[in-house]
């Protein structure tokens, strides 16, 4: 997975390893659901949460890996 983020009109690419994402979740499914919800939240108000031509999904992945996304799982 590659995370692209705009900086000063050029692209800065950082390759994430699966383990970086799974360190924050108990399963890949939980990670995907949390990242998708974060991307939807970011996309709801792009002028507030996203800068310039930044896309919601790469930003959501970055937020998740950086520990900025809190989530909980209902275990009923």
PDB file of N, CA and C in Angstrom:
ATOM      1  N   UNK A   1       0.846  -1.162   0.000  1.00  0.00           N
ATOM      2  CA  UNK A   1       0.000   0.000   0.000  1.00  0.00           C
ATOM      3  C   UNK A   1       0.892   1.224   0.000  1.00  0.00           C
ATOM      4  N   UNK A   2       0.579   2.174  -0.830  1.00  0.00           N
ATOM      5  CA  UNK A   2       1.344   3.412  -0.887  1.00  0.00           C
ATOM      6  C   UNK A   2       0.471   4.557  -0.435  1.00  0.00           C
ATOM      7  N   UNK A   3       1.011   5.384   0.406  1.00  0.00           N
ATOM      8  CA  UNK A   3       0.309   6.558   0.907  1.00  0.00           C
ATOM      9  C   UNK A   3       0.901   7.774   0.233  1.00  0.00           C
ATOM     10  N   UNK A   4       0.093   8.464  -0.576  1.00  0.00           N
ATOM     11  CA  UNK A   4       0.553   9.670  -1.247  1.00  0.00           C
ATOM     12  C   UNK A   4       0.006  10.877  -0.523  1.00  0.00           C
ATOM     13  N   UNK A   5       0.845  11.869  -0.332  1.00  0.00           N
ATOM     14  CA  UNK A   5       0.396  13.079   0.327  1.00  0.00           C
ATOM     15  C   UNK A   5       1.086  14.270  -0.323  1.00  0.00           C
ATOM     16  N   UNK A   6       0.288  15.296  -0.645  1.00  0.00           N
ATOM     17  CA  UNK A   6       0.833  16.487  -1.305  1.00  0.00           C
ATOM     18  C   UNK A   6       1.645  17.322  -0.330  1.00  0.00           C
ATOM     19  N   UNK A   7       2.789  17.772  -0.798  1.00  0.00           N
ATOM     20  CA  UNK A   7       3.608  18.712  -0.030  1.00  0.00           C
ATOM     21  C   UNK A   7       4.315  19.627  -1.022  1.00  0.00           C
ATOM     22  N   UNK A   8       3.999  20.900  -0.958  1.00  0.00           N
ATOM     23  CA  UNK A   8       4.661  21.896  -1.798  1.00  0.00           C
ATOM     24  C   UNK A   8       4.651  21.533  -3.280  1.00  0.00           C
ATOM     25  N   UNK A   9       3.490  21.171  -3.803  1.00  0.00           N
ATOM     26  CA  UNK A   9       3.277  20.871  -5.226  1.00  0.00           C
ATOM     27  C   UNK A   9       4.044  19.656  -5.740  1.00  0.00           C
ATOM     28  N   UNK A  10       4.645  18.865  -4.896  1.00  0.00           N
ATOM     29  CA  UNK A  10       5.253  17.609  -5.338  1.00  0.00           C
ATOM     30  C   UNK A  10       4.743  16.487  -4.441  1.00  0.00           C
ATOM     31  N   UNK A  11       4.917  15.278  -4.912  1.00  0.00           N
ATOM     32  CA  UNK A  11       4.381  14.120  -4.190  1.00  0.00           C
ATOM     33  C   UNK A  11       5.439  13.502  -3.292  1.00  0.00           C
ATOM     34  N   UNK A  12       5.044  13.238  -2.047  1.00  0.00           N
ATOM     35  CA  UNK A  12       5.898  12.540  -1.096  1.00  0.00           C
ATOM     36  C   UNK A  12       5.261  11.183  -0.884  1.00  0.00           C
ATOM     37  N   UNK A  13       5.925  10.124  -1.326  1.00  0.00           N
ATOM     38  CA  UNK A  13       5.362   8.786  -1.205  1.00  0.00           C
ATOM     39  C   UNK A  13       6.002   8.042  -0.049  1.00  0.00           C
ATOM     40  N   UNK A  14       5.156   7.418   0.735  1.00  0.00           N
ATOM     41  CA  UNK A  14       5.624   6.588   1.836  1.00  0.00           C
ATOM     42  C   UNK A  14       4.933   5.249   1.695  1.00  0.00           C
ATOM     43  N   UNK A  15       5.685   4.194   1.662  1.00  0.00           N
ATOM     44  CA  UNK A  15       5.109   2.871   1.552  1.00  0.00           C
ATOM     45  C   UNK A  15       4.864   2.329   2.953  1.00  0.00           C
ATOM     46  N   UNK A  16       3.616   1.959   3.194  1.00  0.00           N
ATOM     47  CA  UNK A  16       3.253   1.386   4.489  1.00  0.00           C
ATOM     48  C   UNK A  16       3.278  -0.125   4.408  1.00  0.00           C
ATOM     49  N   UNK A  17       3.723  -0.743   5.449  1.00  0.00           N
ATOM     50  CA  UNK A  17       3.674  -2.198   5.534  1.00  0.00           C
ATOM     51  C   UNK A  17       2.381  -2.599   6.224  1.00  0.00           C
ATOM     52  N   UNK A  18       1.903  -3.750   5.862  1.00  0.00           N
ATOM     53  CA  UNK A  18       0.669  -4.265   6.455  1.00  0.00           C
ATOM     54  C   UNK A  18       0.764  -4.293   7.980  1.00  0.00           C
ATOM     55  N   UNK A  19       1.927  -4.610   8.481  1.00  0.00           N
ATOM     56  CA  UNK A  19       2.120  -4.707   9.926  1.00  0.00           C
ATOM     57  C   UNK A  19       1.895  -3.367  10.628  1.00  0.00           C
ATOM     58  N   UNK A  20       2.234  -2.251   9.954  1.00  0.00           N
ATOM     59  CA  UNK A  20       2.017  -0.931  10.542  1.00  0.00           C
ATOM     60  C   UNK A  20       0.537  -0.682  10.790  1.00  0.00           C
ATOM     61  N   UNK A  21      -0.285  -1.147   9.877  1.00  0.00           N
ATOM     62  CA  UNK A  21      -1.730  -0.975  10.006  1.00  0.00           C
ATOM     63  C   UNK A  21      -2.274  -1.951  11.043  1.00  0.00           C
ATOM     64  N   UNK A  22      -1.812  -3.198  10.991  1.00  0.00           N
ATOM     65  CA  UNK A  22      -2.335  -4.214  11.905  1.00  0.00           C
ATOM     66  C   UNK A  22      -1.860  -4.014  13.345  1.00  0.00           C
ATOM     67  N   UNK A  23      -0.830  -3.210  13.557  1.00  0.00           N
ATOM     68  CA  UNK A  23      -0.406  -2.891  14.923  1.00  0.00           C
ATOM     69  C   UNK A  23      -1.474  -2.104  15.668  1.00  0.00           C
ATOM     70  N   UNK A  24      -2.341  -1.444  14.946  1.00  0.00           N
ATOM     71  CA  UNK A  24      -3.374  -0.599  15.539  1.00  0.00           C
ATOM     72  C   UNK A  24      -4.726  -1.297  15.648  1.00  0.00           C
ATOM     73  N   UNK A  25      -4.852  -2.532  15.118  1.00  0.00           N
ATOM     74  CA  UNK A  25      -6.133  -3.237  15.142  1.00  0.00           C
ATOM     75  C   UNK A  25      -5.896  -4.719  15.414  1.00  0.00           C
ATOM     76  N   UNK A  26      -6.942  -5.376  15.886  1.00  0.00           N
ATOM     77  CA  UNK A  26      -6.825  -6.807  16.170  1.00  0.00           C
ATOM     78  C   UNK A  26      -6.920  -7.653  14.902  1.00  0.00           C
ATOM     79  N   UNK A  27      -7.551  -7.116  13.858  1.00  0.00           N
ATOM     80  CA  UNK A  27      -7.671  -7.856  12.604  1.00  0.00           C
ATOM     81  C   UNK A  27      -7.670  -6.877  11.432  1.00  0.00           C
ATOM     82  N   UNK A  28      -7.419  -7.405  10.245  1.00  0.00           N
ATOM     83  CA  UNK A  28      -7.439  -6.580   9.041  1.00  0.00           C
ATOM     84  C   UNK A  28      -8.837  -6.016   8.814  1.00  0.00           C
ATOM     85  N   UNK A  29      -9.852  -6.800   9.114  1.00  0.00           N
ATOM     86  CA  UNK A  29     -11.233  -6.340   8.954  1.00  0.00           C
ATOM     87  C   UNK A  29     -11.498  -5.104   9.818  1.00  0.00           C
ATOM     88  N   UNK A  30     -11.107  -5.148  11.079  1.00  0.00           N
ATOM     89  CA  UNK A  30     -11.302  -3.993  11.965  1.00  0.00           C
ATOM     90  C   UNK A  30     -10.574  -2.769  11.433  1.00  0.00           C
ATOM     91  N   UNK A  31      -9.360  -2.956  10.932  1.00  0.00           N
ATOM     92  CA  UNK A  31      -8.590  -1.839  10.390  1.00  0.00           C
ATOM     93  C   UNK A  31      -9.295  -1.226   9.187  1.00  0.00           C
ATOM     94  N   UNK A  32      -9.775  -2.069   8.280  1.00  0.00           N
ATOM     95  CA  UNK A  32     -10.450  -1.580   7.075  1.00  0.00           C
ATOM     96  C   UNK A  32     -11.720  -0.824   7.437  1.00  0.00           C
ATOM     97  N   UNK A  33     -12.496  -1.343   8.359  1.00  0.00           N
ATOM     98  CA  UNK A  33     -13.735  -0.669   8.767  1.00  0.00           C
ATOM     99  C   UNK A  33     -13.426   0.676   9.416  1.00  0.00           C
ATOM    100  N   UNK A  34     -12.444   0.723  10.301  1.00  0.00           N
ATOM    101  CA  UNK A  34     -12.085   1.978  10.966  1.00  0.00           C
ATOM    102  C   UNK A  34     -11.561   3.003   9.964  1.00  0.00           C
ATOM    103  N   UNK A  35     -10.727   2.573   9.037  1.00  0.00           N
ATOM    104  CA  UNK A  35     -10.181   3.480   8.020  1.00  0.00           C
ATOM    105  C   UNK A  35     -11.294   3.988   7.102  1.00  0.00           C
ATOM    106  N   UNK A  36     -12.215   3.108   6.710  1.00  0.00           N
ATOM    107  CA  UNK A  36     -13.323   3.523   5.845  1.00  0.00           C
ATOM    108  C   UNK A  36     -14.207   4.556   6.537  1.00  0.00           C
ATOM    109  N   UNK A  37     -14.482   4.352   7.813  1.00  0.00           N
ATOM    110  CA  UNK A  37     -15.297   5.322   8.556  1.00  0.00           C
ATOM    111  C   UNK A  37     -14.581   6.658   8.678  1.00  0.00           C
ATOM    112  N   UNK A  38     -13.277   6.622   8.890  1.00  0.00           N
ATOM    113  CA  UNK A  38     -12.499   7.862   8.968  1.00  0.00           C
ATOM    114  C   UNK A  38     -12.502   8.577   7.613  1.00  0.00           C
ATOM    115  N   UNK A  39     -12.370   7.831   6.529  1.00  0.00           N
ATOM    116  CA  UNK A  39     -12.395   8.439   5.192  1.00  0.00           C
ATOM    117  C   UNK A  39     -13.747   9.100   4.919  1.00  0.00           C
ATOM    118  N   UNK A  40     -14.831   8.452   5.329  1.00  0.00           N
ATOM    119  CA  UNK A  40     -16.158   9.061   5.157  1.00  0.00           C
ATOM    120  C   UNK A  40     -16.291  10.331   5.984  1.00  0.00           C
ATOM    121  N   UNK A  41     -15.752  10.315   7.196  1.00  0.00           N
ATOM    122  CA  UNK A  41     -15.797  11.510   8.046  1.00  0.00           C
ATOM    123  C   UNK A  41     -15.025  12.655   7.407  1.00  0.00           C
ATOM    124  N   UNK A  42     -13.839  12.359   6.893  1.00  0.00           N
ATOM    125  CA  UNK A  42     -13.029  13.387   6.242  1.00  0.00           C
ATOM    126  C   UNK A  42     -13.706  13.927   4.990  1.00  0.00           C
ATOM    127  N   UNK A  43     -14.356  13.052   4.244  1.00  0.00           N
ATOM    128  CA  UNK A  43     -15.000  13.440   2.992  1.00  0.00           C
ATOM    129  C   UNK A  43     -16.275  14.254   3.231  1.00  0.00           C
ATOM    130  N   UNK A  44     -16.830  14.176   4.428  1.00  0.00           N
ATOM    131  CA  UNK A  44     -18.072  14.897   4.728  1.00  0.00           C
ATOM    132  C   UNK A  44     -17.866  16.407   4.692  1.00  0.00           C
ATOM    133  N   UNK A  45     -16.688  16.873   5.029  1.00  0.00           N
ATOM    134  CA  UNK A  45     -16.388  18.306   5.017  1.00  0.00           C
ATOM    135  C   UNK A  45     -14.951  18.500   4.530  1.00  0.00           C
ATOM    136  N   UNK A  46     -14.715  18.315   3.213  1.00  0.00           N
ATOM    137  CA  UNK A  46     -13.350  18.338   2.701  1.00  0.00           C
ATOM    138  C   UNK A  46     -12.613  19.656   2.933  1.00  0.00           C
ATOM    139  N   UNK A  47     -13.289  20.773   2.914  1.00  0.00           N
ATOM    140  CA  UNK A  47     -12.628  22.054   3.125  1.00  0.00           C
ATOM    141  C   UNK A  47     -12.103  22.225   4.536  1.00  0.00           C
ATOM    142  N   UNK A  48     -12.654  21.463   5.462  1.00  0.00           N
ATOM    143  CA  UNK A  48     -12.242  21.565   6.860  1.00  0.00           C
ATOM    144  C   UNK A  48     -11.139  20.570   7.181  1.00  0.00           C
ATOM    145  N   UNK A  49     -11.304  19.328   6.750  1.00  0.00           N
ATOM    146  CA  UNK A  49     -10.387  18.260   7.135  1.00  0.00           C
ATOM    147  C   UNK A  49      -9.261  17.993   6.143  1.00  0.00           C
ATOM    148  N   UNK A  50      -9.450  18.345   4.877  1.00  0.00           N
ATOM    149  CA  UNK A  50      -8.463  18.032   3.843  1.00  0.00           C
ATOM    150  C   UNK A  50      -7.896  19.314   3.251  1.00  0.00           C
ATOM    151  N   UNK A  51      -6.629  19.289   2.907  1.00  0.00           N
ATOM    152  CA  UNK A  51      -5.968  20.458   2.345  1.00  0.00           C
ATOM    153  C   UNK A  51      -5.783  20.293   0.832  1.00  0.00           C
ATOM    154  N   UNK A  52      -6.138  21.298   0.069  1.00  0.00           N
ATOM    155  CA  UNK A  52      -5.908  21.299  -1.370  1.00  0.00           C
ATOM    156  C   UNK A  52      -6.528  20.113  -2.070  1.00  0.00           C
ATOM    157  N   UNK A  53      -5.713  19.383  -2.815  1.00  0.00           N
ATOM    158  CA  UNK A  53      -6.202  18.227  -3.566  1.00  0.00           C
ATOM    159  C   UNK A  53      -5.993  16.913  -2.820  1.00  0.00           C
ATOM    160  N   UNK A  54      -5.824  16.991  -1.518  1.00  0.00           N
ATOM    161  CA  UNK A  54      -5.616  15.800  -0.691  1.00  0.00           C
ATOM    162  C   UNK A  54      -6.849  14.894  -0.757  1.00  0.00           C
ATOM    163  N   UNK A  55      -6.631  13.616  -0.873  1.00  0.00           N
ATOM    164  CA  UNK A  55      -7.708  12.631  -0.965  1.00  0.00           C
ATOM    165  C   UNK A  55      -8.028  12.064   0.415  1.00  0.00           C
ATOM    166  N   UNK A  56      -9.306  11.718   0.664  1.00  0.00           N
ATOM    167  CA  UNK A  56      -9.693  11.253   1.993  1.00  0.00           C
ATOM    168  C   UNK A  56      -9.096   9.899   2.396  1.00  0.00           C
ATOM    169  N   UNK A  57      -8.986   8.956   1.479  1.00  0.00           N
ATOM    170  CA  UNK A  57      -8.515   7.622   1.862  1.00  0.00           C
ATOM    171  C   UNK A  57      -7.057   7.604   2.316  1.00  0.00           C
ATOM    172  N   UNK A  58      -6.122   8.181   1.561  1.00  0.00           N
ATOM    173  CA  UNK A  58      -4.736   8.193   2.070  1.00  0.00           C
ATOM    174  C   UNK A  58      -4.609   8.938   3.401  1.00  0.00           C
ATOM    175  N   UNK A  59      -5.372  10.005   3.566  1.00  0.00           N
ATOM    176  CA  UNK A  59      -5.337  10.760   4.828  1.00  0.00           C
ATOM    177  C   UNK A  59      -5.900   9.909   5.961  1.00  0.00           C
ATOM    178  N   UNK A  60      -6.971   9.147   5.671  1.00  0.00           N
ATOM    179  CA  UNK A  60      -7.571   8.277   6.685  1.00  0.00           C
ATOM    180  C   UNK A  60      -6.585   7.192   7.118  1.00  0.00           C
ATOM    181  N   UNK A  61      -5.854   6.619   6.172  1.00  0.00           N
ATOM    182  CA  UNK A  61      -4.853   5.600   6.497  1.00  0.00           C
ATOM    183  C   UNK A  61      -3.763   6.213   7.370  1.00  0.00           C
ATOM    184  N   UNK A  62      -3.301   7.395   6.996  1.00  0.00           N
ATOM    185  CA  UNK A  62      -2.262   8.075   7.784  1.00  0.00           C
ATOM    186  C   UNK A  62      -2.757   8.363   9.196  1.00  0.00           C
ATOM    187  N   UNK A  63      -3.980   8.873   9.309  1.00  0.00           N
ATOM    188  CA  UNK A  63      -4.543   9.152  10.631  1.00  0.00           C
ATOM    189  C   UNK A  63      -4.623   7.881  11.467  1.00  0.00           C
ATOM    190  N   UNK A  64      -5.022   6.777  10.843  1.00  0.00           N
ATOM    191  CA  UNK A  64      -5.147   5.510  11.546  1.00  0.00           C
ATOM    192  C   UNK A  64      -3.785   5.027  12.044  1.00  0.00           C
ATOM    193  N   UNK A  65      -2.792   5.039  11.165  1.00  0.00           N
ATOM    194  CA  UNK A  65      -1.455   4.568  11.529  1.00  0.00           C
ATOM    195  C   UNK A  65      -0.828   5.472  12.587  1.00  0.00           C
ATOM    196  N   UNK A  66      -1.105   6.769  12.509  1.00  0.00           N
ATOM    197  CA  UNK A  66      -0.557   7.721  13.486  1.00  0.00           C
ATOM    198  C   UNK A  66      -1.290   7.698  14.824  1.00  0.00           C
ATOM    199  N   UNK A  67      -2.325   6.886  14.932  1.00  0.00           N
ATOM    200  CA  UNK A  67      -3.054   6.766  16.194  1.00  0.00           C
ATOM    201  C   UNK A  67      -4.068   7.865  16.432  1.00  0.00           C
ATOM    202  N   UNK A  68      -4.484   8.558  15.387  1.00  0.00           N
ATOM    203  CA  UNK A  68      -5.444   9.650  15.522  1.00  0.00           C
ATOM    204  C   UNK A  68      -6.887   9.183  15.366  1.00  0.00           C
ATOM    205  N   UNK A  69      -7.085   7.901  15.083  1.00  0.00           N
ATOM    206  CA  UNK A  69      -8.429   7.347  14.913  1.00  0.00           C
ATOM    207  C   UNK A  69      -8.693   6.400  16.078  1.00  0.00           C
ATOM    208  N   UNK A  70      -9.694   6.732  16.871  1.00  0.00           N
ATOM    209  CA  UNK A  70     -10.106   5.850  17.964  1.00  0.00           C
ATOM    210  C   UNK A  70     -11.352   5.102  17.519  1.00  0.00           C
ATOM    211  N   UNK A  71     -11.388   3.821  17.836  1.00  0.00           N
ATOM    212  CA  UNK A  71     -12.557   3.027  17.498  1.00  0.00           C
ATOM    213  C   UNK A  71     -12.727   1.974  18.570  1.00  0.00           C
ATOM    214  N   UNK A  72     -13.937   1.459  18.666  1.00  0.00           N
ATOM    215  CA  UNK A  72     -14.191   0.354  19.582  1.00  0.00           C
ATOM    216  C   UNK A  72     -15.077  -0.657  18.876  1.00  0.00           C
ATOM    217  N   UNK A  73     -14.937  -1.886  19.274  1.00  0.00           N
ATOM    218  CA  UNK A  73     -15.673  -2.984  18.663  1.00  0.00           C
ATOM    219  C   UNK A  73     -16.691  -3.494  19.663  1.00  0.00           C
ATOM    220  N   UNK A  74     -17.936  -3.593  19.220  1.00  0.00           N
ATOM    221  CA  UNK A  74     -18.986  -4.183  20.072  1.00  0.00           C
ATOM    222  C   UNK A  74     -18.837  -5.694  20.020  1.00  0.00           C
ATOM    223  N   UNK A  75     -18.648  -6.300  21.148  1.00  0.00           N
ATOM    224  CA  UNK A  75     -18.489  -7.762  21.227  1.00  0.00           C
ATOM    225  C   UNK A  75     -19.674  -8.342  21.979  1.00  0.00           C
ATOM    226  N   UNK A  76     -20.803  -8.379  21.296  1.00  0.00           N
ATOM    227  CA  UNK A  76     -22.028  -8.928  21.911  1.00  0.00           C
ATOM    228  C   UNK A  76     -22.162 -10.397  21.696  1.00  0.00           C
TER     229      UNK A  76
END
